[in-house]
C-alpha cells in the first residue's frame, strides 16, 4: 500500500469523508496524498469497498452519489436521528415539487413548457428557490423567438436525493403506484385512529 505506513488508506479515506461535509470523488481522495505515496484508482476503490463492508452493521453507510462518495446516516435511521434538531426541516410547496419533477423528468425544458404541463403560470420565486438550492440551472436556450432558457438538474440535485444519475429516478409508473397507495394508507391510518379512540 502506498499510503502512509502509520495510517492505512481506508482510515485516511474514512476520516476525509467524515470531515468533508460533501461527496468526494477518486481524484479528491487521491489529492490527500503526496505524489510519492498517492494511491491509484484501484487501491482507492478497494479501500472504499472495505469501508462500505465495515459500515454494513453500523448506523452510517457509505453512499455513492453523482459527485463521488460520502458517509451518511443510514437512511432507515434518518427520521429518528432528525429528532436531535429542534429546527424543522424545510418544507416545499406542491408547485415547487411539481416544477422540480417536470425539470428532472423532461429536461431540458423551458418555463413555458412547464406552465403548459401544469396549466398555471410559474412563479419566479419557484425557479429562484430551485436555483438557490443549486438543484437546477440554465443549460441552454431554445432556438425560437425570445430564446427562452432551458432548465436542467445539477449534480447537487442528484447528491441531495442520493442518486448517482438520472437513471436512478423512479419510473413514472412507480410514482403512479405510490400516488394510488397514498389514499389507501390514509384510509388505513384513519381506521387505526378510530380503533384506538
Protein backbone atom coordinates (compact mmCIF):
# COMPACT_ATOMS: atom_id res chain seq x y z
CA UNK A 1 0.00 0.00 0.00
CA UNK A 2 1.30 3.44 -0.91
CA UNK A 3 -0.49 5.32 1.88
CA UNK A 4 1.36 6.38 4.99
CA UNK A 5 2.63 3.40 6.98
CA UNK A 6 1.21 4.84 10.20
CA UNK A 7 -2.34 5.20 8.81
CA UNK A 8 -3.93 2.64 6.47
CA UNK A 9 -5.55 4.04 3.34
CA UNK A 10 -9.05 3.04 4.49
CA UNK A 11 -8.68 5.07 7.71
CA UNK A 12 -7.50 8.14 5.84
CA UNK A 13 -10.41 7.91 3.39
CA UNK A 14 -12.90 7.39 6.22
CA UNK A 15 -11.57 10.42 8.11
CA UNK A 16 -11.69 12.55 4.94
CA UNK A 17 -15.28 11.54 4.16
CA UNK A 18 -16.36 12.22 7.74
CA UNK A 19 -14.91 15.73 7.75
CA UNK A 20 -15.54 16.81 4.14
CA UNK A 21 -19.23 17.55 4.60
CA UNK A 22 -19.79 16.68 0.93
CA UNK A 23 -19.16 13.87 -1.51
CA UNK A 24 -15.58 13.22 -2.63
CA UNK A 25 -14.54 11.54 -5.86
CA UNK A 26 -11.41 9.45 -6.51
CA UNK A 27 -9.39 12.48 -7.62
CA UNK A 28 -10.13 14.43 -4.43
CA UNK A 29 -9.32 11.40 -2.29
CA UNK A 30 -6.05 10.82 -4.15
CA UNK A 31 -5.14 14.51 -3.70
CA UNK A 32 -4.91 13.89 0.07
CA UNK A 33 -1.54 12.22 -0.54
CA UNK A 34 1.86 13.43 -1.67
CA UNK A 35 2.70 12.35 -5.19
CA UNK A 36 5.20 9.74 -3.98
CA UNK A 37 2.61 7.97 -1.80
CA UNK A 38 -0.52 8.67 -3.88
CA UNK A 39 -2.70 5.53 -4.25
CA UNK A 40 -4.11 4.51 -7.62
CA UNK A 41 -7.80 4.26 -8.51
CA UNK A 42 -7.82 0.51 -7.89
CA UNK A 43 -6.44 0.97 -4.35
CA UNK A 44 -8.96 3.72 -3.59
CA UNK A 45 -11.81 1.57 -4.94
CA UNK A 46 -10.69 -1.39 -2.80
CA UNK A 47 -10.49 0.83 0.33
CA UNK A 48 -13.98 2.21 -0.41
CA UNK A 49 -15.37 -1.34 -0.78
CA UNK A 50 -13.80 -2.34 2.54
CA UNK A 51 -15.20 0.79 4.19
CA UNK A 52 -18.69 0.01 2.82
CA UNK A 53 -18.39 -3.53 4.24
CA UNK A 54 -17.29 -2.14 7.62
CA UNK A 55 -20.39 0.09 7.68
CA UNK A 56 -22.81 -2.78 6.94
CA UNK A 57 -23.72 -3.24 10.62
CA UNK A 58 -23.30 0.40 11.67
CA UNK A 59 -25.56 3.42 11.83
CA UNK A 60 -23.74 5.09 8.94
CA UNK A 61 -23.42 3.98 5.35
CA UNK A 62 -21.04 4.73 2.52
CA UNK A 63 -23.14 6.08 -0.32
CA UNK A 64 -22.10 6.77 -3.91
CA UNK A 65 -23.81 9.80 -5.44
CA UNK A 66 -23.16 11.85 -8.58
CA UNK A 67 -20.26 13.81 -7.05
CA UNK A 68 -18.50 10.80 -5.53
CA UNK A 69 -18.75 9.06 -2.16
CA UNK A 70 -19.96 10.22 1.23
CA UNK A 71 -20.54 8.80 4.68
CA UNK A 72 -24.07 9.50 5.89
CA UNK A 73 -26.59 8.39 8.45
CA UNK A 74 -28.21 5.16 7.28
CA UNK A 75 -31.46 6.10 5.50
CA UNK A 76 -33.55 3.82 7.72
CA UNK A 77 -32.38 5.85 10.76
CA UNK A 78 -32.69 9.38 9.38
CA UNK A 79 -36.17 10.09 10.76
CA UNK A 80 -35.15 9.11 14.27
CA UNK A 81 -31.84 11.00 14.14
CA UNK A 82 -33.53 14.14 12.79
CA UNK A 83 -35.23 14.48 16.21
CA UNK A 84 -31.91 15.79 17.53
CA UNK A 85 -32.53 19.12 15.84
CA UNK A 86 -35.33 21.39 17.00
CA UNK A 87 -35.30 23.20 13.68
CA UNK A 88 -38.00 21.81 11.41
CA UNK A 89 -36.81 20.60 8.03
CA UNK A 90 -37.67 22.98 5.24
CA UNK A 91 -40.92 22.08 3.52
CA UNK A 92 -41.61 22.83 -0.10
CA UNK A 93 -44.85 23.68 -1.83
CA UNK A 94 -46.57 21.27 -4.14
CA UNK A 95 -45.98 23.73 -7.01
CA UNK A 96 -42.22 23.76 -6.35
CA UNK A 97 -42.05 19.96 -6.17
CA UNK A 98 -44.13 19.58 -9.36
CA UNK A 99 -41.82 22.02 -11.14
CA UNK A 100 -38.73 20.17 -9.94
CA UNK A 101 -40.21 16.84 -11.07
CA UNK A 102 -41.01 18.23 -14.52
CA UNK A 103 -37.47 19.55 -14.89
CA UNK A 104 -35.96 16.27 -13.69
CA UNK A 105 -38.05 14.07 -15.99
CA UNK A 106 -38.33 16.28 -19.08
CA UNK A 107 -35.07 18.21 -19.13
CA UNK A 108 -34.11 20.33 -20.87
CA UNK A 109 -37.39 22.20 -20.50
CA UNK A 110 -38.47 25.84 -20.75
CA UNK A 111 -40.59 27.81 -18.33
CA UNK A 112 -43.38 27.94 -20.96
CA UNK A 113 -43.34 24.15 -21.32
CA UNK A 114 -43.58 23.75 -17.54
CA UNK A 115 -46.55 26.15 -17.47
CA UNK A 116 -48.23 24.27 -20.34
CA UNK A 117 -47.98 20.94 -18.48
CA UNK A 118 -49.03 22.34 -15.10
CA UNK A 119 -51.78 24.51 -16.59
CA UNK A 120 -50.85 27.54 -14.43
CA UNK A 121 -48.25 30.28 -14.61
CA UNK A 122 -44.94 29.56 -12.91
CA UNK A 123 -43.84 31.85 -10.10
CA UNK A 124 -40.38 33.36 -10.47
CA UNK A 125 -39.86 32.53 -6.78
CA UNK A 126 -40.05 28.80 -7.56
CA UNK A 127 -37.32 28.99 -10.20
CA UNK A 128 -35.22 31.25 -7.94
CA UNK A 129 -35.59 28.86 -4.97
CA UNK A 130 -34.59 25.86 -7.09
CA UNK A 131 -31.58 27.75 -8.44
CA UNK A 132 -30.57 28.96 -4.95
CA UNK A 133 -30.70 25.35 -3.72
CA UNK A 134 -28.47 24.54 -6.73
CA UNK A 135 -30.94 21.86 -7.84
CA UNK A 136 -31.49 23.37 -11.31
CA UNK A 137 -29.55 25.56 -13.72
CA UNK A 138 -29.89 27.07 -17.17
CA UNK A 139 -28.40 24.55 -19.59
CA UNK A 140 -29.04 26.48 -22.80
CA UNK A 141 -31.67 28.41 -24.73
CA UNK A 142 -34.39 27.14 -27.09
CA UNK A 143 -33.80 28.31 -30.67
CA UNK A 144 -37.14 30.09 -31.03
CA UNK A 145 -38.12 33.78 -30.82
CA UNK A 146 -37.27 35.14 -27.38
CA UNK A 147 -34.64 32.40 -26.84
CA UNK A 148 -36.26 31.04 -23.63
CA UNK A 149 -33.94 29.45 -21.07
CA UNK A 150 -33.77 25.66 -20.90
CA UNK A 151 -33.60 24.24 -17.38
CA UNK A 152 -31.93 21.04 -16.24
CA UNK A 153 -30.95 19.47 -12.92
CA UNK A 154 -27.49 19.67 -11.33
CA UNK A 155 -25.11 17.32 -9.55
CA UNK A 156 -26.25 18.92 -6.29
CA UNK A 157 -29.81 17.74 -7.10
CA UNK A 158 -28.55 14.18 -7.62
CA UNK A 159 -26.46 14.34 -4.44
CA UNK A 160 -29.34 15.70 -2.33
CA UNK A 161 -31.66 12.90 -3.43
CA UNK A 162 -28.96 10.17 -3.13
CA UNK A 163 -28.79 9.47 -6.86
CA UNK A 164 -25.73 8.56 -8.94
CA UNK A 165 -27.50 9.54 -12.17
CA UNK A 166 -30.94 10.46 -13.52
CA UNK A 167 -31.36 6.80 -14.49
CA UNK A 168 -31.99 6.09 -10.79
CA UNK A 169 -35.12 8.29 -10.68
CA UNK A 170 -38.23 6.19 -10.08
CA UNK A 171 -40.19 5.44 -13.22
CA UNK A 172 -43.44 7.29 -13.78
CA UNK A 173 -45.37 4.04 -13.24
CA UNK A 174 -43.71 3.64 -9.81
CA UNK A 175 -44.75 7.17 -8.94
CA UNK A 176 -48.33 6.48 -10.07
CA UNK A 177 -48.35 3.36 -7.87
CA UNK A 178 -47.26 5.49 -4.89
CA UNK A 179 -50.00 8.02 -5.65
CA UNK A 180 -52.57 5.20 -5.67
CA UNK A 181 -51.15 3.79 -2.45
CA UNK A 182 -51.27 7.12 -0.56
CA UNK A 183 -55.10 7.30 -0.24
CA UNK A 184 -55.12 3.66 0.93
CA UNK A 185 -52.52 4.44 3.62
CA UNK A 186 -54.50 7.49 4.76
CA UNK A 187 -57.68 5.34 4.95
CA UNK A 188 -55.85 2.64 6.97
CA UNK A 189 -54.39 5.28 9.32
CA UNK A 190 -57.86 6.79 9.84
CA UNK A 191 -59.29 3.35 10.64
CA UNK A 192 -56.46 2.71 13.12
CA UNK A 193 -57.09 6.08 14.81
CA UNK A 194 -60.80 5.23 15.14
CA UNK A 195 -59.98 1.83 16.64
CA UNK A 196 -57.65 3.42 19.22
CA UNK A 197 -60.24 6.08 20.18
